[in-house]
Amino acid sequence: MFRPLDPLLHSELRLAVVSLLAGVESADFTFIKEQTGATAGNLSVQIDKLAQAGYIAVMKGYKGKKPQTMCSITPTGIEAFRNYLEALKSYIPTSMR
């Protein structure tokens, strides 16, 4: 049987953001933008969706005089990412695992 995939993580950009954050303590907006190739506007919208779901935490502050947005994955986000990966495995034939 196929397990349902989390629709929030099934978006390519949101999945990329969560994947990046799963491997680091935190990352700033510019780094995430560079790594994903997303536009600032699109990335901002997707980060807001992930934050509203509790998958990531967003901290806004300043680095010197420049505004800085830092993101980190939450325990809820880690669990959702793990569940997504496990569900995705149900779509892969056993012979290919």
PDB file of N, CA and C in Angstrom:
ATOM      1  N   MET A   1       0.831  -1.198   0.000  1.00  0.00           N
ATOM      2  CA  MET A   1       0.000   0.000   0.000  1.00  0.00           C
ATOM      3  C   MET A   1       0.864   1.246   0.000  1.00  0.00           C
ATOM      4  N   PHE A   2       0.394   2.249  -0.685  1.00  0.00           N
ATOM      5  CA  PHE A   2       1.091   3.527  -0.703  1.00  0.00           C
ATOM      6  C   PHE A   2       0.676   4.351   0.511  1.00  0.00           C
ATOM      7  N   ARG A   3       1.657   4.887   1.209  1.00  0.00           N
ATOM      8  CA  ARG A   3       1.370   5.757   2.347  1.00  0.00           C
ATOM      9  C   ARG A   3       1.166   7.179   1.839  1.00  0.00           C
ATOM     10  N   PRO A   4       0.287   7.943   2.466  1.00  0.00           N
ATOM     11  CA  PRO A   4       0.060   9.323   2.012  1.00  0.00           C
ATOM     12  C   PRO A   4       1.304  10.181   2.235  1.00  0.00           C
ATOM     13  N   LEU A   5       1.555  11.068   1.282  1.00  0.00           N
ATOM     14  CA  LEU A   5       2.676  11.993   1.385  1.00  0.00           C
ATOM     15  C   LEU A   5       2.177  13.326   1.942  1.00  0.00           C
ATOM     16  N   ASP A   6       2.934  13.892   2.849  1.00  0.00           N
ATOM     17  CA  ASP A   6       2.601  15.177   3.455  1.00  0.00           C
ATOM     18  C   ASP A   6       2.546  16.235   2.342  1.00  0.00           C
ATOM     19  N   PRO A   7       1.377  16.804   2.059  1.00  0.00           N
ATOM     20  CA  PRO A   7       1.273  17.778   0.962  1.00  0.00           C
ATOM     21  C   PRO A   7       2.128  19.022   1.186  1.00  0.00           C
ATOM     22  N   LEU A   8       2.383  19.370   2.425  1.00  0.00           N
ATOM     23  CA  LEU A   8       3.213  20.536   2.701  1.00  0.00           C
ATOM     24  C   LEU A   8       4.656  20.285   2.265  1.00  0.00           C
ATOM     25  N   LEU A   9       5.141  19.075   2.446  1.00  0.00           N
ATOM     26  CA  LEU A   9       6.515  18.748   2.059  1.00  0.00           C
ATOM     27  C   LEU A   9       6.622  18.264   0.623  1.00  0.00           C
ATOM     28  N   HIS A  10       5.501  18.029  -0.021  1.00  0.00           N
ATOM     29  CA  HIS A  10       5.526  17.502  -1.384  1.00  0.00           C
ATOM     30  C   HIS A  10       5.822  18.594  -2.417  1.00  0.00           C
ATOM     31  N   SER A  11       5.916  19.827  -1.971  1.00  0.00           N
ATOM     32  CA  SER A  11       6.332  20.940  -2.832  1.00  0.00           C
ATOM     33  C   SER A  11       7.856  20.892  -2.945  1.00  0.00           C
ATOM     34  N   GLU A  12       8.362  21.019  -4.157  1.00  0.00           N
ATOM     35  CA  GLU A  12       9.809  20.911  -4.377  1.00  0.00           C
ATOM     36  C   GLU A  12      10.607  21.910  -3.530  1.00  0.00           C
ATOM     37  N   LEU A  13      10.174  23.166  -3.495  1.00  0.00           N
ATOM     38  CA  LEU A  13      10.920  24.178  -2.753  1.00  0.00           C
ATOM     39  C   LEU A  13      10.827  23.955  -1.244  1.00  0.00           C
ATOM     40  N   ARG A  14       9.638  23.649  -0.733  1.00  0.00           N
ATOM     41  CA  ARG A  14       9.514  23.408   0.707  1.00  0.00           C
ATOM     42  C   ARG A  14      10.311  22.178   1.124  1.00  0.00           C
ATOM     43  N   LEU A  15      10.313  21.149   0.292  1.00  0.00           N
ATOM     44  CA  LEU A  15      11.108  19.957   0.582  1.00  0.00           C
ATOM     45  C   LEU A  15      12.596  20.307   0.589  1.00  0.00           C
ATOM     46  N   ALA A  16      13.038  21.148  -0.345  1.00  0.00           N
ATOM     47  CA  ALA A  16      14.440  21.564  -0.396  1.00  0.00           C
ATOM     48  C   ALA A  16      14.818  22.348   0.862  1.00  0.00           C
ATOM     49  N   VAL A  17      13.951  23.233   1.303  1.00  0.00           N
ATOM     50  CA  VAL A  17      14.228  24.032   2.506  1.00  0.00           C
ATOM     51  C   VAL A  17      14.366  23.117   3.718  1.00  0.00           C
ATOM     52  N   VAL A  18      13.429  22.213   3.902  1.00  0.00           N
ATOM     53  CA  VAL A  18      13.475  21.310   5.050  1.00  0.00           C
ATOM     54  C   VAL A  18      14.696  20.398   4.955  1.00  0.00           C
ATOM     55  N   SER A  19      15.016  19.936   3.761  1.00  0.00           N
ATOM     56  CA  SER A  19      16.199  19.085   3.569  1.00  0.00           C
ATOM     57  C   SER A  19      17.471  19.830   3.965  1.00  0.00           C
ATOM     58  N   LEU A  20      17.584  21.073   3.540  1.00  0.00           N
ATOM     59  CA  LEU A  20      18.753  21.886   3.912  1.00  0.00           C
ATOM     60  C   LEU A  20      18.841  22.071   5.422  1.00  0.00           C
ATOM     61  N   LEU A  21      17.722  22.436   6.019  1.00  0.00           N
ATOM     62  CA  LEU A  21      17.719  22.731   7.451  1.00  0.00           C
ATOM     63  C   LEU A  21      17.925  21.484   8.303  1.00  0.00           C
ATOM     64  N   ALA A  22      17.588  20.324   7.774  1.00  0.00           N
ATOM     65  CA  ALA A  22      17.787  19.074   8.527  1.00  0.00           C
ATOM     66  C   ALA A  22      19.270  18.778   8.712  1.00  0.00           C
ATOM     67  N   GLY A  23      20.107  19.364   7.868  1.00  0.00           N
ATOM     68  CA  GLY A  23      21.533  19.082   7.937  1.00  0.00           C
ATOM     69  C   GLY A  23      22.376  20.142   8.621  1.00  0.00           C
ATOM     70  N   VAL A  24      21.744  21.206   9.103  1.00  0.00           N
ATOM     71  CA  VAL A  24      22.485  22.292   9.751  1.00  0.00           C
ATOM     72  C   VAL A  24      21.740  22.734  11.007  1.00  0.00           C
ATOM     73  N   GLU A  25      22.449  23.443  11.873  1.00  0.00           N
ATOM     74  CA  GLU A  25      21.802  23.971  13.077  1.00  0.00           C
ATOM     75  C   GLU A  25      20.809  25.068  12.709  1.00  0.00           C
ATOM     76  N   SER A  26      21.242  25.961  11.804  1.00  0.00           N
ATOM     77  CA  SER A  26      20.374  27.019  11.298  1.00  0.00           C
ATOM     78  C   SER A  26      20.999  27.549  10.012  1.00  0.00           C
ATOM     79  N   ALA A  27      20.209  28.285   9.252  1.00  0.00           N
ATOM     80  CA  ALA A  27      20.693  28.867   7.996  1.00  0.00           C
ATOM     81  C   ALA A  27      19.998  30.192   7.781  1.00  0.00           C
ATOM     82  N   ASP A  28      20.725  31.125   7.183  1.00  0.00           N
ATOM     83  CA  ASP A  28      20.097  32.410   6.910  1.00  0.00           C
ATOM     84  C   ASP A  28      19.399  32.374   5.553  1.00  0.00           C
ATOM     85  N   PHE A  29      18.494  33.313   5.394  1.00  0.00           N
ATOM     86  CA  PHE A  29      17.641  33.386   4.209  1.00  0.00           C
ATOM     87  C   PHE A  29      18.467  33.400   2.928  1.00  0.00           C
ATOM     88  N   THR A  30      19.545  34.178   2.926  1.00  0.00           N
ATOM     89  CA  THR A  30      20.378  34.304   1.724  1.00  0.00           C
ATOM     90  C   THR A  30      20.990  32.956   1.339  1.00  0.00           C
ATOM     91  N   PHE A  31      21.481  32.216   2.319  1.00  0.00           N
ATOM     92  CA  PHE A  31      22.059  30.900   2.051  1.00  0.00           C
ATOM     93  C   PHE A  31      21.005  29.968   1.453  1.00  0.00           C
ATOM     94  N   ILE A  32      19.816  29.936   2.055  1.00  0.00           N
ATOM     95  CA  ILE A  32      18.742  29.068   1.555  1.00  0.00           C
ATOM     96  C   ILE A  32      18.366  29.476   0.133  1.00  0.00           C
ATOM     97  N   LYS A  33      18.279  30.766  -0.110  1.00  0.00           N
ATOM     98  CA  LYS A  33      17.938  31.286  -1.447  1.00  0.00           C
ATOM     99  C   LYS A  33      18.985  30.841  -2.466  1.00  0.00           C
ATOM    100  N   GLU A  34      20.246  30.977  -2.118  1.00  0.00           N
ATOM    101  CA  GLU A  34      21.325  30.577  -3.031  1.00  0.00           C
ATOM    102  C   GLU A  34      21.313  29.073  -3.305  1.00  0.00           C
ATOM    103  N   GLN A  35      21.104  28.289  -2.276  1.00  0.00           N
ATOM    104  CA  GLN A  35      21.137  26.839  -2.419  1.00  0.00           C
ATOM    105  C   GLN A  35      19.953  26.298  -3.219  1.00  0.00           C
ATOM    106  N   THR A  36      18.805  26.943  -3.087  1.00  0.00           N
ATOM    107  CA  THR A  36      17.603  26.450  -3.772  1.00  0.00           C
ATOM    108  C   THR A  36      17.391  27.083  -5.138  1.00  0.00           C
ATOM    109  N   GLY A  37      18.003  28.238  -5.361  1.00  0.00           N
ATOM    110  CA  GLY A  37      17.793  28.944  -6.618  1.00  0.00           C
ATOM    111  C   GLY A  37      16.431  29.619  -6.701  1.00  0.00           C
ATOM    112  N   ALA A  38      15.767  29.746  -5.568  1.00  0.00           N
ATOM    113  CA  ALA A  38      14.431  30.349  -5.526  1.00  0.00           C
ATOM    114  C   ALA A  38      14.523  31.871  -5.553  1.00  0.00           C
ATOM    115  N   THR A  39      13.440  32.491  -5.968  1.00  0.00           N
ATOM    116  CA  THR A  39      13.363  33.938  -5.860  1.00  0.00           C
ATOM    117  C   THR A  39      13.084  34.295  -4.410  1.00  0.00           C
ATOM    118  N   ALA A  40      13.451  35.502  -4.022  1.00  0.00           N
ATOM    119  CA  ALA A  40      13.231  35.936  -2.640  1.00  0.00           C
ATOM    120  C   ALA A  40      11.754  35.897  -2.269  1.00  0.00           C
ATOM    121  N   GLY A  41      10.897  36.338  -3.181  1.00  0.00           N
ATOM    122  CA  GLY A  41       9.458  36.365  -2.903  1.00  0.00           C
ATOM    123  C   GLY A  41       8.874  34.979  -2.715  1.00  0.00           C
ATOM    124  N   ASN A  42       9.203  34.070  -3.623  1.00  0.00           N
ATOM    125  CA  ASN A  42       8.686  32.704  -3.521  1.00  0.00           C
ATOM    126  C   ASN A  42       9.217  32.017  -2.267  1.00  0.00           C
ATOM    127  N   LEU A  43      10.518  32.182  -1.991  1.00  0.00           N
ATOM    128  CA  LEU A  43      11.099  31.553  -0.812  1.00  0.00           C
ATOM    129  C   LEU A  43      10.447  32.082   0.459  1.00  0.00           C
ATOM    130  N   SER A  44      10.198  33.374   0.506  1.00  0.00           N
ATOM    131  CA  SER A  44       9.562  33.983   1.672  1.00  0.00           C
ATOM    132  C   SER A  44       8.186  33.371   1.936  1.00  0.00           C
ATOM    133  N   VAL A  45       7.407  33.188   0.889  1.00  0.00           N
ATOM    134  CA  VAL A  45       6.072  32.596   1.022  1.00  0.00           C
ATOM    135  C   VAL A  45       6.182  31.160   1.536  1.00  0.00           C
ATOM    136  N   GLN A  46       7.112  30.390   0.987  1.00  0.00           N
ATOM    137  CA  GLN A  46       7.238  28.983   1.380  1.00  0.00           C
ATOM    138  C   GLN A  46       7.766  28.846   2.809  1.00  0.00           C
ATOM    139  N   ILE A  47       8.674  29.736   3.203  1.00  0.00           N
ATOM    140  CA  ILE A  47       9.168  29.727   4.582  1.00  0.00           C
ATOM    141  C   ILE A  47       8.029  30.045   5.541  1.00  0.00           C
ATOM    142  N   ASP A  48       7.182  30.998   5.178  1.00  0.00           N
ATOM    143  CA  ASP A  48       6.024  31.326   6.021  1.00  0.00           C
ATOM    144  C   ASP A  48       5.107  30.119   6.187  1.00  0.00           C
ATOM    145  N   LYS A  49       4.861  29.377   5.111  1.00  0.00           N
ATOM    146  CA  LYS A  49       3.999  28.192   5.191  1.00  0.00           C
ATOM    147  C   LYS A  49       4.607  27.144   6.111  1.00  0.00           C
ATOM    148  N   LEU A  50       5.920  26.921   5.991  1.00  0.00           N
ATOM    149  CA  LEU A  50       6.584  25.939   6.857  1.00  0.00           C
ATOM    150  C   LEU A  50       6.572  26.390   8.316  1.00  0.00           C
ATOM    151  N   ALA A  51       6.750  27.681   8.532  1.00  0.00           N
ATOM    152  CA  ALA A  51       6.733  28.214   9.901  1.00  0.00           C
ATOM    153  C   ALA A  51       5.335  28.108  10.509  1.00  0.00           C
ATOM    154  N   GLN A  52       4.298  28.408   9.731  1.00  0.00           N
ATOM    155  CA  GLN A  52       2.926  28.311  10.232  1.00  0.00           C
ATOM    156  C   GLN A  52       2.577  26.881  10.620  1.00  0.00           C
ATOM    157  N   ALA A  53       3.153  25.907   9.908  1.00  0.00           N
ATOM    158  CA  ALA A  53       2.907  24.501  10.223  1.00  0.00           C
ATOM    159  C   ALA A  53       3.746  24.029  11.411  1.00  0.00           C
ATOM    160  N   GLY A  54       4.678  24.866  11.860  1.00  0.00           N
ATOM    161  CA  GLY A  54       5.538  24.488  12.978  1.00  0.00           C
ATOM    162  C   GLY A  54       6.718  23.622  12.568  1.00  0.00           C
ATOM    163  N   TYR A  55       6.989  23.536  11.266  1.00  0.00           N
ATOM    164  CA  TYR A  55       8.094  22.707  10.771  1.00  0.00           C
ATOM    165  C   TYR A  55       9.436  23.413  10.906  1.00  0.00           C
ATOM    166  N   ILE A  56       9.428  24.736  10.833  1.00  0.00           N
ATOM    167  CA  ILE A  56      10.660  25.491  11.010  1.00  0.00           C
ATOM    168  C   ILE A  56      10.401  26.672  11.939  1.00  0.00           C
ATOM    169  N   ALA A  57      11.478  27.154  12.542  1.00  0.00           N
ATOM    170  CA  ALA A  57      11.421  28.364  13.354  1.00  0.00           C
ATOM    171  C   ALA A  57      12.140  29.460  12.578  1.00  0.00           C
ATOM    172  N   VAL A  58      11.585  30.662  12.611  1.00  0.00           N
ATOM    173  CA  VAL A  58      12.167  31.798  11.903  1.00  0.00           C
ATOM    174  C   VAL A  58      12.496  32.878  12.937  1.00  0.00           C
ATOM    175  N   MET A  59      13.757  33.298  12.932  1.00  0.00           N
ATOM    176  CA  MET A  59      14.213  34.332  13.839  1.00  0.00           C
ATOM    177  C   MET A  59      14.695  35.517  13.001  1.00  0.00           C
ATOM    178  N   LYS A  60      14.122  36.673  13.275  1.00  0.00           N
ATOM    179  CA  LYS A  60      14.518  37.882  12.540  1.00  0.00           C
ATOM    180  C   LYS A  60      15.341  38.763  13.461  1.00  0.00           C
ATOM    181  N   GLY A  61      16.421  39.280  12.907  1.00  0.00           N
ATOM    182  CA  GLY A  61      17.299  40.142  13.685  1.00  0.00           C
ATOM    183  C   GLY A  61      18.167  40.958  12.754  1.00  0.00           C
ATOM    184  N   TYR A  62      19.322  41.347  13.256  1.00  0.00           N
ATOM    185  CA  TYR A  62      20.250  42.155  12.477  1.00  0.00           C
ATOM    186  C   TYR A  62      21.654  41.577  12.588  1.00  0.00           C
ATOM    187  N   LYS A  63      22.380  41.679  11.486  1.00  0.00           N
ATOM    188  CA  LYS A  63      23.805  41.364  11.465  1.00  0.00           C
ATOM    189  C   LYS A  63      24.476  42.680  11.121  1.00  0.00           C
ATOM    190  N   GLY A  64      25.014  43.322  12.152  1.00  0.00           N
ATOM    191  CA  GLY A  64      25.467  44.697  11.973  1.00  0.00           C
ATOM    192  C   GLY A  64      24.243  45.573  11.792  1.00  0.00           C
ATOM    193  N   LYS A  65      24.186  46.277  10.681  1.00  0.00           N
ATOM    194  CA  LYS A  65      23.030  47.141  10.414  1.00  0.00           C
ATOM    195  C   LYS A  65      22.065  46.526   9.408  1.00  0.00           C
ATOM    196  N   LYS A  66      22.408  45.327   8.926  1.00  0.00           N
ATOM    197  CA  LYS A  66      21.568  44.681   7.914  1.00  0.00           C
ATOM    198  C   LYS A  66      20.584  43.710   8.573  1.00  0.00           C
ATOM    199  N   PRO A  67      19.334  43.711   8.104  1.00  0.00           N
ATOM    200  CA  PRO A  67      18.383  42.732   8.620  1.00  0.00           C
ATOM    201  C   PRO A  67      18.817  41.320   8.225  1.00  0.00           C
ATOM    202  N   GLN A  68      18.561  40.372   9.117  1.00  0.00           N
ATOM    203  CA  GLN A  68      18.916  38.987   8.840  1.00  0.00           C
ATOM    204  C   GLN A  68      17.782  38.078   9.317  1.00  0.00           C
ATOM    205  N   THR A  69      17.411  37.127   8.454  1.00  0.00           N
ATOM    206  CA  THR A  69      16.403  36.133   8.807  1.00  0.00           C
ATOM    207  C   THR A  69      17.092  34.782   8.901  1.00  0.00           C
ATOM    208  N   MET A  70      17.003  34.163  10.061  1.00  0.00           N
ATOM    209  CA  MET A  70      17.592  32.842  10.295  1.00  0.00           C
ATOM    210  C   MET A  70      16.468  31.828  10.434  1.00  0.00           C
ATOM    211  N   CYS A  71      16.696  30.638   9.890  1.00  0.00           N
ATOM    212  CA  CYS A  71      15.708  29.561   9.960  1.00  0.00           C
ATOM    213  C   CYS A  71      16.350  28.311  10.539  1.00  0.00           C
ATOM    214  N   SER A  72      15.564  27.559  11.281  1.00  0.00           N
ATOM    215  CA  SER A  72      16.025  26.267  11.783  1.00  0.00           C
ATOM    216  C   SER A  72      14.841  25.308  11.792  1.00  0.00           C
ATOM    217  N   ILE A  73      15.153  24.030  11.659  1.00  0.00           N
ATOM    218  CA  ILE A  73      14.101  23.026  11.667  1.00  0.00           C
ATOM    219  C   ILE A  73      13.708  22.742  13.116  1.00  0.00           C
ATOM    220  N   THR A  74      12.451  22.488  13.345  1.00  0.00           N
ATOM    221  CA  THR A  74      11.949  22.191  14.686  1.00  0.00           C
ATOM    222  C   THR A  74      11.825  20.671  14.862  1.00  0.00           C
ATOM    223  N   PRO A  75      11.632  20.207  16.088  1.00  0.00           N
ATOM    224  CA  PRO A  75      11.392  18.774  16.272  1.00  0.00           C
ATOM    225  C   PRO A  75      10.179  18.283  15.467  1.00  0.00           C
ATOM    226  N   THR A  76       9.151  19.110  15.363  1.00  0.00           N
ATOM    227  CA  THR A  76       7.983  18.752  14.539  1.00  0.00           C
ATOM    228  C   THR A  76       8.388  18.609  13.081  1.00  0.00           C
ATOM    229  N   GLY A  77       9.249  19.514  12.612  1.00  0.00           N
ATOM    230  CA  GLY A  77       9.724  19.459  11.237  1.00  0.00           C
ATOM    231  C   GLY A  77      10.580  18.228  10.970  1.00  0.00           C
ATOM    232  N   ILE A  78      11.425  17.878  11.927  1.00  0.00           N
ATOM    233  CA  ILE A  78      12.252  16.676  11.791  1.00  0.00           C
ATOM    234  C   ILE A  78      11.368  15.443  11.689  1.00  0.00           C
ATOM    235  N   GLU A  79      10.368  15.365  12.547  1.00  0.00           N
ATOM    236  CA  GLU A  79       9.450  14.217  12.517  1.00  0.00           C
ATOM    237  C   GLU A  79       8.688  14.164  11.194  1.00  0.00           C
ATOM    238  N   ALA A  80       8.200  15.309  10.735  1.00  0.00           N
ATOM    239  CA  ALA A  80       7.461  15.354   9.466  1.00  0.00           C
ATOM    240  C   ALA A  80       8.362  14.939   8.302  1.00  0.00           C
ATOM    241  N   PHE A  81       9.613  15.391   8.317  1.00  0.00           N
ATOM    242  CA  PHE A  81      10.564  15.044   7.255  1.00  0.00           C
ATOM    243  C   PHE A  81      10.848  13.541   7.268  1.00  0.00           C
ATOM    244  N   ARG A  82      11.077  12.988   8.442  1.00  0.00           N
ATOM    245  CA  ARG A  82      11.308  11.535   8.547  1.00  0.00           C
ATOM    246  C   ARG A  82      10.092  10.750   8.057  1.00  0.00           C
ATOM    247  N   ASN A  83       8.907  11.175   8.471  1.00  0.00           N
ATOM    248  CA  ASN A  83       7.676  10.499   8.043  1.00  0.00           C
ATOM    249  C   ASN A  83       7.500  10.591   6.536  1.00  0.00           C
ATOM    250  N   TYR A  84       7.841  11.741   5.965  1.00  0.00           N
ATOM    251  CA  TYR A  84       7.738  11.933   4.520  1.00  0.00           C
ATOM    252  C   TYR A  84       8.663  10.955   3.798  1.00  0.00           C
ATOM    253  N   LEU A  85       9.902  10.862   4.278  1.00  0.00           N
ATOM    254  CA  LEU A  85      10.861   9.957   3.645  1.00  0.00           C
ATOM    255  C   LEU A  85      10.412   8.508   3.746  1.00  0.00           C
ATOM    256  N   GLU A  86       9.877   8.130   4.895  1.00  0.00           N
ATOM    257  CA  GLU A  86       9.377   6.757   5.062  1.00  0.00           C
ATOM    258  C   GLU A  86       8.192   6.494   4.142  1.00  0.00           C
ATOM    259  N   ALA A  87       7.294   7.459   4.039  1.00  0.00           N
ATOM    260  CA  ALA A  87       6.132   7.300   3.150  1.00  0.00           C
ATOM    261  C   ALA A  87       6.590   7.198   1.702  1.00  0.00           C
ATOM    262  N   LEU A  88       7.581   7.980   1.330  1.00  0.00           N
ATOM    263  CA  LEU A  88       8.098   7.953  -0.040  1.00  0.00           C
ATOM    264  C   LEU A  88       8.658   6.576  -0.386  1.00  0.00           C
ATOM    265  N   LYS A  89       9.241   5.915   0.589  1.00  0.00           N
ATOM    266  CA  LYS A  89       9.786   4.567   0.361  1.00  0.00           C
ATOM    267  C   LYS A  89       8.700   3.585  -0.073  1.00  0.00           C
ATOM    268  N   SER A  90       7.460   3.824   0.343  1.00  0.00           N
ATOM    269  CA  SER A  90       6.373   2.909  -0.037  1.00  0.00           C
ATOM    270  C   SER A  90       6.071   2.980  -1.525  1.00  0.00           C
ATOM    271  N   TYR A  91       6.575   4.006  -2.212  1.00  0.00           N
ATOM    272  CA  TYR A  91       6.368   4.162  -3.633  1.00  0.00           C
ATOM    273  C   TYR A  91       7.491   3.514  -4.464  1.00  0.00           C
ATOM    274  N   ILE A  92       8.537   3.080  -3.773  1.00  0.00           N
ATOM    275  CA  ILE A  92       9.683   2.477  -4.462  1.00  0.00           C
ATOM    276  C   ILE A  92       9.534   0.967  -4.416  1.00  0.00           C
ATOM    277  N   PRO A  93       9.575   0.307  -5.570  1.00  0.00           N
ATOM    278  CA  PRO A  93       9.449  -1.153  -5.574  1.00  0.00           C
ATOM    279  C   PRO A  93      10.546  -1.782  -4.711  1.00  0.00           C
ATOM    280  N   THR A  94      10.205  -2.844  -4.039  1.00  0.00           N
ATOM    281  CA  THR A  94      11.137  -3.533  -3.149  1.00  0.00           C
ATOM    282  C   THR A  94      12.421  -3.917  -3.889  1.00  0.00           C
ATOM    283  N   SER A  95      12.309  -4.276  -5.137  1.00  0.00           N
ATOM    284  CA  SER A  95      13.477  -4.699  -5.914  1.00  0.00           C
ATOM    285  C   SER A  95      14.458  -3.553  -6.153  1.00  0.00           C
ATOM    286  N   MET A  96      14.029  -2.307  -5.966  1.00  0.00           N
ATOM    287  CA  MET A  96      14.899  -1.159  -6.209  1.00  0.00           C
ATOM    288  C   MET A  96      15.486  -0.580  -4.919  1.00  0.00           C
ATOM    289  N   ARG A  97      15.111  -1.121  -3.792  1.00  0.00           N
ATOM    290  CA  ARG A  97      15.605  -0.575  -2.514  1.00  0.00           C
ATOM    291  C   ARG A  97      16.949  -1.143  -2.159  1.00  0.00           C
TER     292      ARG A  97
END
